Amino acid sequence: MQEIEQRLRRLMIDGLSGDGAAYRDLLRDLTPRLRAFFRRRLANWPEDCEDLVQETLLAVHARRHTYDADQPFTAWAYAVARYKLVDWHRRHRRREALHDPVEDRIDVLFAEVEHEASDAQRDVRVMLESLPEKQREPIRMVKLEGLSVVETAARTGLSVSAVKIGVHRGLKALAARFSREA
């Protein structure tokens, strides 16, 4: 478990330093651990687990600047996950006590679920392929690779505004498409 912590912490620090590949690896390695975390706690609501995984990954991305590199990464990441779980309980008006604190169930947090990560990656690729290239590439670079809007603009030849618009319109199109299918 110490090796996992060291690897995730190193990937986070490298990602914060601008290494897009390390950041991608961090999110890929963190995803199955978050799934195990939520599935353990929401066994009666499995359909909500994947949503919580995605919400947590987005929160990790949005709050990555708050991570203290001198502290363990997994404690920080699972604190973010627990906040998302608390929000879920509030939204669903569940008054059940949050049992199994992170510290007491460290073995569950690191359960290996490797095949699910590849399934999720395939699903994301399929979803993105349905978008026009001017939306697909900015989403892939900014949201999945962790590049800045400026870096994405330089790599694609689009303006900064076009990258922002492409990301916004692409995510809006995906949300509309999947809300209709649901």
N, C-alpha and C. Protein backbone atom coordinates (compact mmCIF):
# COMPACT_ATOMS: atom_id res chain seq x y z
N MET A 1 0.82 -1.20 0.00
CA MET A 1 0.00 0.00 0.00
C MET A 1 0.86 1.25 0.00
N GLN A 2 1.99 1.18 0.65
CA GLN A 2 2.89 2.33 0.68
C GLN A 2 3.39 2.65 -0.73
N GLU A 3 3.61 1.60 -1.54
CA GLU A 3 4.05 1.81 -2.93
C GLU A 3 2.99 2.54 -3.73
N ILE A 4 1.74 2.17 -3.50
CA ILE A 4 0.64 2.82 -4.21
C ILE A 4 0.57 4.29 -3.83
N GLU A 5 0.65 4.56 -2.54
CA GLU A 5 0.64 5.95 -2.07
C GLU A 5 1.77 6.74 -2.70
N GLN A 6 2.98 6.18 -2.69
CA GLN A 6 4.13 6.88 -3.25
C GLN A 6 3.95 7.13 -4.74
N ARG A 7 3.43 6.14 -5.45
CA ARG A 7 3.21 6.31 -6.90
C ARG A 7 2.19 7.39 -7.17
N LEU A 8 1.04 7.35 -6.48
CA LEU A 8 0.00 8.35 -6.72
C LEU A 8 0.49 9.75 -6.34
N ARG A 9 1.20 9.83 -5.24
CA ARG A 9 1.73 11.13 -4.79
C ARG A 9 2.72 11.68 -5.82
N ARG A 10 3.61 10.82 -6.33
CA ARG A 10 4.58 11.26 -7.33
C ARG A 10 3.87 11.72 -8.61
N LEU A 11 2.85 10.96 -9.03
CA LEU A 11 2.11 11.34 -10.24
C LEU A 11 1.41 12.68 -10.04
N MET A 12 0.85 12.92 -8.86
CA MET A 12 0.17 14.18 -8.59
C MET A 12 1.17 15.34 -8.63
N ILE A 13 2.30 15.16 -7.98
CA ILE A 13 3.31 16.23 -7.96
C ILE A 13 3.82 16.50 -9.37
N ASP A 14 4.08 15.45 -10.13
CA ASP A 14 4.53 15.63 -11.52
C ASP A 14 3.44 16.29 -12.35
N GLY A 15 2.20 15.89 -12.13
CA GLY A 15 1.08 16.51 -12.84
C GLY A 15 0.95 17.98 -12.52
N LEU A 16 1.13 18.33 -11.27
CA LEU A 16 1.06 19.74 -10.87
C LEU A 16 2.21 20.55 -11.49
N SER A 17 3.29 19.87 -11.80
CA SER A 17 4.44 20.54 -12.43
C SER A 17 4.28 20.65 -13.94
N GLY A 18 3.16 20.16 -14.47
CA GLY A 18 2.90 20.30 -15.89
C GLY A 18 3.08 19.04 -16.72
N ASP A 19 3.35 17.91 -16.08
CA ASP A 19 3.52 16.66 -16.82
C ASP A 19 2.13 16.06 -17.09
N GLY A 20 1.65 16.27 -18.31
CA GLY A 20 0.31 15.80 -18.68
C GLY A 20 0.17 14.29 -18.62
N ALA A 21 1.21 13.57 -19.02
CA ALA A 21 1.15 12.10 -18.99
C ALA A 21 1.04 11.59 -17.56
N ALA A 22 1.78 12.19 -16.65
CA ALA A 22 1.71 11.78 -15.24
C ALA A 22 0.32 12.07 -14.69
N TYR A 23 -0.24 13.20 -15.05
CA TYR A 23 -1.58 13.55 -14.55
C TYR A 23 -2.63 12.58 -15.09
N ARG A 24 -2.51 12.23 -16.36
CA ARG A 24 -3.41 11.24 -16.96
C ARG A 24 -3.29 9.90 -16.24
N ASP A 25 -2.04 9.48 -15.96
CA ASP A 25 -1.82 8.22 -15.23
C ASP A 25 -2.42 8.29 -13.83
N LEU A 26 -2.30 9.43 -13.19
CA LEU A 26 -2.87 9.61 -11.85
C LEU A 26 -4.38 9.38 -11.89
N LEU A 27 -5.07 10.04 -12.81
CA LEU A 27 -6.52 9.90 -12.89
C LEU A 27 -6.91 8.46 -13.26
N ARG A 28 -6.14 7.85 -14.15
CA ARG A 28 -6.42 6.46 -14.53
C ARG A 28 -6.25 5.52 -13.33
N ASP A 29 -5.19 5.70 -12.55
CA ASP A 29 -4.93 4.83 -11.40
C ASP A 29 -5.87 5.11 -10.24
N LEU A 30 -6.33 6.33 -10.13
CA LEU A 30 -7.23 6.70 -9.03
C LEU A 30 -8.66 6.21 -9.28
N THR A 31 -9.07 6.15 -10.53
CA THR A 31 -10.47 5.81 -10.87
C THR A 31 -10.94 4.49 -10.27
N PRO A 32 -10.24 3.36 -10.43
CA PRO A 32 -10.75 2.12 -9.86
C PRO A 32 -10.79 2.14 -8.33
N ARG A 33 -9.91 2.89 -7.72
CA ARG A 33 -9.91 2.99 -6.25
C ARG A 33 -11.13 3.77 -5.77
N LEU A 34 -11.47 4.81 -6.51
CA LEU A 34 -12.68 5.58 -6.16
C LEU A 34 -13.93 4.73 -6.37
N ARG A 35 -13.95 3.94 -7.45
CA ARG A 35 -15.10 3.05 -7.68
C ARG A 35 -15.28 2.09 -6.50
N ALA A 36 -14.19 1.50 -6.06
CA ALA A 36 -14.28 0.57 -4.92
C ALA A 36 -14.76 1.30 -3.68
N PHE A 37 -14.26 2.50 -3.46
CA PHE A 37 -14.66 3.32 -2.32
C PHE A 37 -16.17 3.55 -2.31
N PHE A 38 -16.73 4.00 -3.45
CA PHE A 38 -18.15 4.30 -3.51
C PHE A 38 -19.02 3.05 -3.54
N ARG A 39 -18.58 2.01 -4.21
CA ARG A 39 -19.37 0.77 -4.24
C ARG A 39 -19.51 0.16 -2.86
N ARG A 40 -18.48 0.26 -2.08
CA ARG A 40 -18.53 -0.27 -0.72
C ARG A 40 -19.57 0.48 0.12
N ARG A 41 -19.64 1.76 -0.08
CA ARG A 41 -20.51 2.61 0.73
C ARG A 41 -21.92 2.76 0.17
N LEU A 42 -22.09 2.49 -1.11
CA LEU A 42 -23.40 2.66 -1.74
C LEU A 42 -23.83 1.36 -2.44
N ALA A 43 -23.70 0.26 -1.76
CA ALA A 43 -24.02 -1.04 -2.35
C ALA A 43 -25.47 -1.10 -2.83
N ASN A 44 -26.36 -0.38 -2.17
CA ASN A 44 -27.78 -0.40 -2.56
C ASN A 44 -28.11 0.60 -3.66
N TRP A 45 -27.14 1.41 -4.06
CA TRP A 45 -27.34 2.41 -5.10
C TRP A 45 -26.20 2.36 -6.11
N PRO A 46 -25.99 1.21 -6.76
CA PRO A 46 -24.83 1.07 -7.65
C PRO A 46 -24.87 2.03 -8.83
N GLU A 47 -26.06 2.45 -9.25
CA GLU A 47 -26.17 3.35 -10.39
C GLU A 47 -25.58 4.73 -10.09
N ASP A 48 -25.47 5.08 -8.82
CA ASP A 48 -24.92 6.39 -8.45
C ASP A 48 -23.40 6.36 -8.28
N CYS A 49 -22.82 5.20 -8.19
CA CYS A 49 -21.37 5.10 -7.93
C CYS A 49 -20.55 5.75 -9.04
N GLU A 50 -20.86 5.44 -10.28
CA GLU A 50 -20.06 5.99 -11.39
C GLU A 50 -20.18 7.51 -11.45
N ASP A 51 -21.38 8.04 -11.18
CA ASP A 51 -21.54 9.49 -11.14
C ASP A 51 -20.66 10.11 -10.07
N LEU A 52 -20.60 9.46 -8.91
CA LEU A 52 -19.76 9.98 -7.83
C LEU A 52 -18.28 9.88 -8.17
N VAL A 53 -17.89 8.84 -8.87
CA VAL A 53 -16.49 8.72 -9.30
C VAL A 53 -16.16 9.91 -10.21
N GLN A 54 -17.03 10.18 -11.18
CA GLN A 54 -16.77 11.29 -12.11
C GLN A 54 -16.79 12.64 -11.39
N GLU A 55 -17.74 12.83 -10.49
CA GLU A 55 -17.78 14.07 -9.72
C GLU A 55 -16.50 14.25 -8.90
N THR A 56 -16.03 13.17 -8.32
CA THR A 56 -14.80 13.24 -7.51
C THR A 56 -13.59 13.55 -8.38
N LEU A 57 -13.49 12.90 -9.54
CA LEU A 57 -12.37 13.19 -10.43
C LEU A 57 -12.38 14.65 -10.89
N LEU A 58 -13.57 15.17 -11.17
CA LEU A 58 -13.67 16.58 -11.54
C LEU A 58 -13.27 17.48 -10.37
N ALA A 59 -13.68 17.12 -9.16
CA ALA A 59 -13.32 17.90 -7.98
C ALA A 59 -11.82 17.83 -7.72
N VAL A 60 -11.22 16.66 -7.89
CA VAL A 60 -9.77 16.52 -7.73
C VAL A 60 -9.07 17.44 -8.73
N HIS A 61 -9.57 17.45 -9.96
CA HIS A 61 -8.98 18.31 -10.99
C HIS A 61 -9.15 19.79 -10.63
N ALA A 62 -10.36 20.15 -10.25
CA ALA A 62 -10.64 21.56 -9.94
C ALA A 62 -9.91 22.04 -8.69
N ARG A 63 -9.67 21.15 -7.75
CA ARG A 63 -9.05 21.54 -6.48
C ARG A 63 -7.59 21.11 -6.36
N ARG A 64 -7.01 20.66 -7.46
CA ARG A 64 -5.65 20.13 -7.40
C ARG A 64 -4.65 21.14 -6.85
N HIS A 65 -4.93 22.43 -7.03
CA HIS A 65 -4.02 23.45 -6.51
C HIS A 65 -4.00 23.50 -4.98
N THR A 66 -4.97 22.87 -4.33
CA THR A 66 -5.02 22.89 -2.86
C THR A 66 -4.22 21.74 -2.24
N TYR A 67 -3.76 20.82 -3.08
CA TYR A 67 -3.01 19.68 -2.56
C TYR A 67 -1.66 20.14 -2.01
N ASP A 68 -1.34 19.73 -0.80
CA ASP A 68 -0.05 20.02 -0.16
C ASP A 68 0.88 18.84 -0.45
N ALA A 69 1.92 19.09 -1.23
CA ALA A 69 2.82 18.02 -1.66
C ALA A 69 3.56 17.36 -0.50
N ASP A 70 3.54 17.96 0.68
CA ASP A 70 4.19 17.35 1.84
C ASP A 70 3.28 16.35 2.55
N GLN A 71 2.05 16.25 2.13
CA GLN A 71 1.06 15.37 2.77
C GLN A 71 0.77 14.17 1.87
N PRO A 72 0.24 13.09 2.46
CA PRO A 72 -0.13 11.92 1.64
C PRO A 72 -1.22 12.28 0.63
N PHE A 73 -1.06 11.82 -0.58
CA PHE A 73 -2.04 12.11 -1.61
C PHE A 73 -3.37 11.40 -1.37
N THR A 74 -3.30 10.11 -1.01
CA THR A 74 -4.55 9.34 -0.87
C THR A 74 -5.45 9.93 0.21
N ALA A 75 -4.89 10.44 1.30
CA ALA A 75 -5.72 11.05 2.34
C ALA A 75 -6.46 12.25 1.77
N TRP A 76 -5.77 13.05 0.98
CA TRP A 76 -6.39 14.22 0.36
C TRP A 76 -7.47 13.80 -0.64
N ALA A 77 -7.15 12.84 -1.50
CA ALA A 77 -8.10 12.39 -2.52
C ALA A 77 -9.35 11.78 -1.89
N TYR A 78 -9.16 10.97 -0.85
CA TYR A 78 -10.33 10.35 -0.23
C TYR A 78 -11.13 11.35 0.61
N ALA A 79 -10.49 12.40 1.06
CA ALA A 79 -11.26 13.47 1.72
C ALA A 79 -12.19 14.12 0.70
N VAL A 80 -11.69 14.35 -0.50
CA VAL A 80 -12.54 14.89 -1.58
C VAL A 80 -13.69 13.92 -1.85
N ALA A 81 -13.38 12.64 -1.93
CA ALA A 81 -14.41 11.62 -2.19
C ALA A 81 -15.46 11.60 -1.07
N ARG A 82 -15.01 11.72 0.17
CA ARG A 82 -15.98 11.72 1.28
C ARG A 82 -16.89 12.94 1.24
N TYR A 83 -16.35 14.09 0.85
CA TYR A 83 -17.20 15.27 0.69
C TYR A 83 -18.26 15.02 -0.38
N LYS A 84 -17.88 14.38 -1.46
CA LYS A 84 -18.84 14.06 -2.52
C LYS A 84 -19.89 13.07 -2.01
N LEU A 85 -19.46 12.13 -1.19
CA LEU A 85 -20.40 11.18 -0.61
C LEU A 85 -21.38 11.88 0.34
N VAL A 86 -20.87 12.78 1.14
CA VAL A 86 -21.74 13.55 2.05
C VAL A 86 -22.75 14.36 1.23
N ASP A 87 -22.27 15.00 0.16
CA ASP A 87 -23.18 15.75 -0.71
C ASP A 87 -24.26 14.84 -1.30
N TRP A 88 -23.85 13.64 -1.71
CA TRP A 88 -24.82 12.69 -2.26
C TRP A 88 -25.89 12.36 -1.21
N HIS A 89 -25.45 12.10 0.02
CA HIS A 89 -26.41 11.79 1.08
C HIS A 89 -27.35 12.97 1.33
N ARG A 90 -26.81 14.15 1.30
CA ARG A 90 -27.67 15.34 1.48
C ARG A 90 -28.68 15.45 0.35
N ARG A 91 -28.21 15.27 -0.88
CA ARG A 91 -29.11 15.37 -2.03
C ARG A 91 -30.21 14.33 -1.96
N HIS A 92 -29.91 13.17 -1.47
CA HIS A 92 -30.89 12.08 -1.42
C HIS A 92 -31.58 11.99 -0.06
N ARG A 93 -31.32 12.98 0.75
CA ARG A 93 -31.95 13.07 2.08
C ARG A 93 -31.78 11.78 2.88
N ARG A 94 -30.63 11.21 2.75
CA ARG A 94 -30.32 10.01 3.52
C ARG A 94 -29.76 10.46 4.86
N ARG A 95 -30.30 9.94 5.91
CA ARG A 95 -29.82 10.30 7.24
C ARG A 95 -28.96 9.21 7.86
N GLU A 96 -28.58 8.25 7.01
CA GLU A 96 -27.77 7.15 7.51
C GLU A 96 -26.39 7.66 7.89
N ALA A 97 -25.88 7.13 8.92
CA ALA A 97 -24.53 7.52 9.36
C ALA A 97 -23.51 7.04 8.34
N LEU A 98 -22.51 7.85 8.12
CA LEU A 98 -21.41 7.44 7.23
C LEU A 98 -20.51 6.53 8.04
N HIS A 99 -20.57 5.25 7.73
CA HIS A 99 -19.78 4.28 8.47
C HIS A 99 -18.49 3.99 7.72
N ASP A 100 -17.65 3.19 8.32
CA ASP A 100 -16.38 2.79 7.74
C ASP A 100 -15.52 4.00 7.35
N PRO A 101 -15.04 4.75 8.31
CA PRO A 101 -14.17 5.87 7.96
C PRO A 101 -12.99 5.39 7.12
N VAL A 102 -12.46 6.28 6.34
CA VAL A 102 -11.36 5.95 5.44
C VAL A 102 -10.23 5.25 6.18
N GLU A 103 -9.89 5.76 7.33
CA GLU A 103 -8.76 5.21 8.07
C GLU A 103 -9.00 3.76 8.50
N ASP A 104 -10.25 3.39 8.75
CA ASP A 104 -10.55 2.04 9.21
C ASP A 104 -10.65 1.03 8.07
N ARG A 105 -10.82 1.49 6.85
CA ARG A 105 -11.05 0.58 5.73
C ARG A 105 -10.05 0.80 4.59
N ILE A 106 -8.82 1.02 4.92
CA ILE A 106 -7.80 1.30 3.92
C ILE A 106 -7.67 0.16 2.91
N ASP A 107 -7.94 -1.09 3.35
CA ASP A 107 -7.83 -2.22 2.45
C ASP A 107 -8.85 -2.15 1.32
N VAL A 108 -10.04 -1.67 1.60
CA VAL A 108 -11.08 -1.55 0.58
C VAL A 108 -10.74 -0.45 -0.41
N LEU A 109 -10.12 0.61 0.08
CA LEU A 109 -9.82 1.75 -0.77
C LEU A 109 -8.88 1.38 -1.91
N PHE A 110 -8.02 0.41 -1.68
CA PHE A 110 -7.03 0.07 -2.68
C PHE A 110 -7.38 -1.20 -3.44
N ALA A 111 -8.64 -1.58 -3.44
CA ALA A 111 -9.05 -2.78 -4.18
C ALA A 111 -8.76 -2.57 -5.67
N GLU A 112 -8.22 -3.58 -6.30
CA GLU A 112 -7.86 -3.48 -7.70
C GLU A 112 -9.05 -3.81 -8.59
N VAL A 113 -9.37 -2.90 -9.48
CA VAL A 113 -10.46 -3.09 -10.42
C VAL A 113 -9.98 -2.60 -11.78
N GLU A 114 -8.95 -3.27 -12.30
CA GLU A 114 -8.26 -2.79 -13.49
C GLU A 114 -9.12 -2.78 -14.75
N HIS A 115 -9.95 -3.79 -14.93
CA HIS A 115 -10.71 -3.86 -16.17
C HIS A 115 -11.71 -2.74 -16.29
N GLU A 116 -12.19 -2.20 -15.18
CA GLU A 116 -13.17 -1.12 -15.23
C GLU A 116 -12.56 0.16 -15.78
N ALA A 117 -11.30 0.39 -15.52
CA ALA A 117 -10.64 1.58 -16.05
C ALA A 117 -10.58 1.51 -17.57
N SER A 118 -10.26 0.34 -18.12
CA SER A 118 -10.20 0.22 -19.57
C SER A 118 -11.60 0.36 -20.18
N ASP A 119 -12.63 -0.16 -19.50
CA ASP A 119 -14.00 0.01 -19.98
C ASP A 119 -14.38 1.48 -20.02
N ALA A 120 -14.03 2.21 -18.98
CA ALA A 120 -14.36 3.63 -18.91
C ALA A 120 -13.62 4.41 -20.00
N GLN A 121 -12.35 4.06 -20.23
CA GLN A 121 -11.59 4.73 -21.28
C GLN A 121 -12.22 4.49 -22.65
N ARG A 122 -12.64 3.25 -22.89
CA ARG A 122 -13.29 2.94 -24.16
C ARG A 122 -14.58 3.74 -24.31
N ASP A 123 -15.38 3.82 -23.26
CA ASP A 123 -16.63 4.57 -23.30
C ASP A 123 -16.40 6.04 -23.59
N VAL A 124 -15.38 6.61 -22.98
CA VAL A 124 -15.06 8.02 -23.22
C VAL A 124 -14.65 8.22 -24.67
N ARG A 125 -13.81 7.31 -25.21
CA ARG A 125 -13.40 7.43 -26.60
C ARG A 125 -14.61 7.39 -27.53
N VAL A 126 -15.54 6.47 -27.28
CA VAL A 126 -16.73 6.35 -28.11
C VAL A 126 -17.57 7.62 -28.04
N MET A 127 -17.74 8.15 -26.83
CA MET A 127 -18.52 9.39 -26.67
C MET A 127 -17.87 10.53 -27.43
N LEU A 128 -16.56 10.67 -27.29
CA LEU A 128 -15.88 11.79 -27.95
C LEU A 128 -15.90 11.65 -29.47
N GLU A 129 -15.86 10.42 -29.98
CA GLU A 129 -15.88 10.21 -31.43
C GLU A 129 -17.18 10.72 -32.05
N SER A 130 -18.23 10.85 -31.26
CA SER A 130 -19.50 11.32 -31.79
C SER A 130 -19.53 12.83 -31.98
N LEU A 131 -18.50 13.51 -31.51
CA LEU A 131 -18.44 14.98 -31.61
C LEU A 131 -17.61 15.41 -32.81
N PRO A 132 -17.88 16.61 -33.31
CA PRO A 132 -17.01 17.17 -34.36
C PRO A 132 -15.61 17.41 -33.81
N GLU A 133 -14.61 17.39 -34.68
CA GLU A 133 -13.22 17.52 -34.24
C GLU A 133 -12.97 18.81 -33.47
N LYS A 134 -13.62 19.91 -33.83
CA LYS A 134 -13.40 21.20 -33.15
C LYS A 134 -13.91 21.17 -31.71
N GLN A 135 -14.73 20.19 -31.38
CA GLN A 135 -15.18 20.01 -29.99
C GLN A 135 -14.42 18.86 -29.34
N ARG A 136 -14.22 17.80 -30.10
CA ARG A 136 -13.59 16.60 -29.56
C ARG A 136 -12.16 16.87 -29.09
N GLU A 137 -11.34 17.48 -29.92
CA GLU A 137 -9.93 17.68 -29.58
C GLU A 137 -9.74 18.62 -28.38
N PRO A 138 -10.44 19.76 -28.33
CA PRO A 138 -10.29 20.59 -27.12
C PRO A 138 -10.71 19.87 -25.83
N ILE A 139 -11.78 19.08 -25.89
CA ILE A 139 -12.20 18.34 -24.69
C ILE A 139 -11.13 17.32 -24.31
N ARG A 140 -10.63 16.59 -25.29
CA ARG A 140 -9.60 15.58 -25.01
C ARG A 140 -8.37 16.22 -24.39
N MET A 141 -7.91 17.31 -24.97
CA MET A 141 -6.67 17.93 -24.49
C MET A 141 -6.84 18.63 -23.14
N VAL A 142 -7.93 19.39 -22.99
CA VAL A 142 -8.13 20.17 -21.76
C VAL A 142 -8.64 19.29 -20.62
N LYS A 143 -9.66 18.49 -20.88
CA LYS A 143 -10.30 17.74 -19.81
C LYS A 143 -9.63 16.40 -19.51
N LEU A 144 -9.09 15.75 -20.52
CA LEU A 144 -8.50 14.43 -20.28
C LEU A 144 -6.98 14.49 -20.11
N GLU A 145 -6.33 15.31 -20.92
CA GLU A 145 -4.87 15.39 -20.83
C GLU A 145 -4.41 16.43 -19.82
N GLY A 146 -5.31 17.33 -19.41
CA GLY A 146 -4.95 18.33 -18.41
C GLY A 146 -4.17 19.51 -18.95
N LEU A 147 -4.19 19.70 -20.26
CA LEU A 147 -3.50 20.85 -20.84
C LEU A 147 -4.29 22.12 -20.56
N SER A 148 -3.62 23.23 -20.55
CA SER A 148 -4.32 24.50 -20.38
C SER A 148 -5.00 24.86 -21.70
N VAL A 149 -5.89 25.84 -21.65
CA VAL A 149 -6.57 26.30 -22.86
C VAL A 149 -5.54 26.90 -23.82
N VAL A 150 -4.57 27.62 -23.30
CA VAL A 150 -3.53 28.23 -24.13
C VAL A 150 -2.69 27.15 -24.82
N GLU A 151 -2.29 26.12 -24.08
CA GLU A 151 -1.51 25.02 -24.67
C GLU A 151 -2.32 24.31 -25.75
N THR A 152 -3.60 24.09 -25.47
CA THR A 152 -4.47 23.43 -26.44
C THR A 152 -4.60 24.27 -27.70
N ALA A 153 -4.77 25.57 -27.54
CA ALA A 153 -4.88 26.47 -28.69
C ALA A 153 -3.61 26.39 -29.55
N ALA A 154 -2.46 26.39 -28.90
CA ALA A 154 -1.20 26.32 -29.63
C ALA A 154 -1.06 25.00 -30.39
N ARG A 155 -1.47 23.92 -29.79
CA ARG A 155 -1.34 22.60 -30.43
C ARG A 155 -2.33 22.38 -31.56
N THR A 156 -3.53 22.95 -31.42
CA THR A 156 -4.57 22.71 -32.43
C THR A 156 -4.63 23.77 -33.50
N GLY A 157 -4.02 24.93 -33.24
CA GLY A 157 -4.10 26.03 -34.20
C GLY A 157 -5.39 26.83 -34.06
N LEU A 158 -6.18 26.49 -33.05
CA LEU A 158 -7.42 27.24 -32.78
C LEU A 158 -7.09 28.43 -31.88
N SER A 159 -7.98 29.41 -31.86
CA SER A 159 -7.80 30.52 -30.92
C SER A 159 -8.18 30.04 -29.52
N VAL A 160 -7.76 30.79 -28.51
CA VAL A 160 -8.11 30.47 -27.13
C VAL A 160 -9.63 30.46 -26.99
N SER A 161 -10.30 31.43 -27.59
CA SER A 161 -11.77 31.50 -27.53
C SER A 161 -12.40 30.28 -28.19
N ALA A 162 -11.85 29.87 -29.32
CA ALA A 162 -12.40 28.70 -30.03
C ALA A 162 -12.24 27.44 -29.19
N VAL A 163 -11.14 27.32 -28.47
CA VAL A 163 -10.94 26.16 -27.59
C VAL A 163 -11.99 26.18 -26.49
N LYS A 164 -12.18 27.32 -25.84
CA LYS A 164 -13.17 27.43 -24.77
C LYS A 164 -14.57 27.11 -25.28
N ILE A 165 -14.89 27.65 -26.44
CA ILE A 165 -16.22 27.42 -27.03
C ILE A 165 -16.37 25.94 -27.40
N GLY A 166 -15.32 25.36 -27.97
CA GLY A 166 -15.37 23.94 -28.34
C GLY A 166 -15.61 23.04 -27.14
N VAL A 167 -14.91 23.31 -26.05
CA VAL A 167 -15.10 22.53 -24.83
C VAL A 167 -16.52 22.70 -24.32
N HIS A 168 -16.96 23.94 -24.23
CA HIS A 168 -18.31 24.22 -23.70
C HIS A 168 -19.39 23.56 -24.56
N ARG A 169 -19.34 23.77 -25.85
CA ARG A 169 -20.37 23.22 -26.74
C ARG A 169 -20.31 21.69 -26.79
N GLY A 170 -19.11 21.14 -26.78
CA GLY A 170 -18.98 19.68 -26.81
C GLY A 170 -19.56 19.04 -25.56
N LEU A 171 -19.22 19.59 -24.39
CA LEU A 171 -19.76 19.03 -23.15
C LEU A 171 -21.27 19.21 -23.08
N LYS A 172 -21.75 20.35 -23.58
CA LYS A 172 -23.20 20.59 -23.60
C LYS A 172 -23.90 19.59 -24.52
N ALA A 173 -23.29 19.30 -25.68
CA ALA A 173 -23.87 18.33 -26.62
C ALA A 173 -23.88 16.94 -26.01
N LEU A 174 -22.80 16.55 -25.35
CA LEU A 174 -22.75 15.23 -24.71
C LEU A 174 -23.79 15.14 -23.60
N ALA A 175 -23.91 16.17 -22.80
CA ALA A 175 -24.89 16.17 -21.71
C ALA A 175 -26.31 16.05 -22.27
N ALA A 176 -26.60 16.79 -23.32
CA ALA A 176 -27.94 16.72 -23.92
C ALA A 176 -28.21 15.34 -24.50
N ARG A 177 -27.22 14.79 -25.19
CA ARG A 177 -27.38 13.47 -25.80
C ARG A 177 -27.63 12.40 -24.75
N PHE A 178 -26.86 12.42 -23.67
CA PHE A 178 -26.99 11.37 -22.68
C PHE A 178 -28.17 11.58 -21.76
N SER A 179 -28.65 12.80 -21.61
CA SER A 179 -29.86 13.00 -20.81
C SER A 179 -31.07 12.51 -21.60
N ARG A 180 -31.05 12.65 -22.94
CA ARG A 180 -32.14 12.12 -23.76
C ARG A 180 -32.15 10.60 -23.72
N GLU A 181 -30.95 9.99 -23.76
CA GLU A 181 -30.86 8.52 -23.75
C GLU A 181 -31.25 7.94 -22.41
N ALA A 182 -30.99 8.70 -21.33
CA ALA A 182 -31.34 8.21 -20.01
C ALA A 182 -32.82 8.28 -19.83
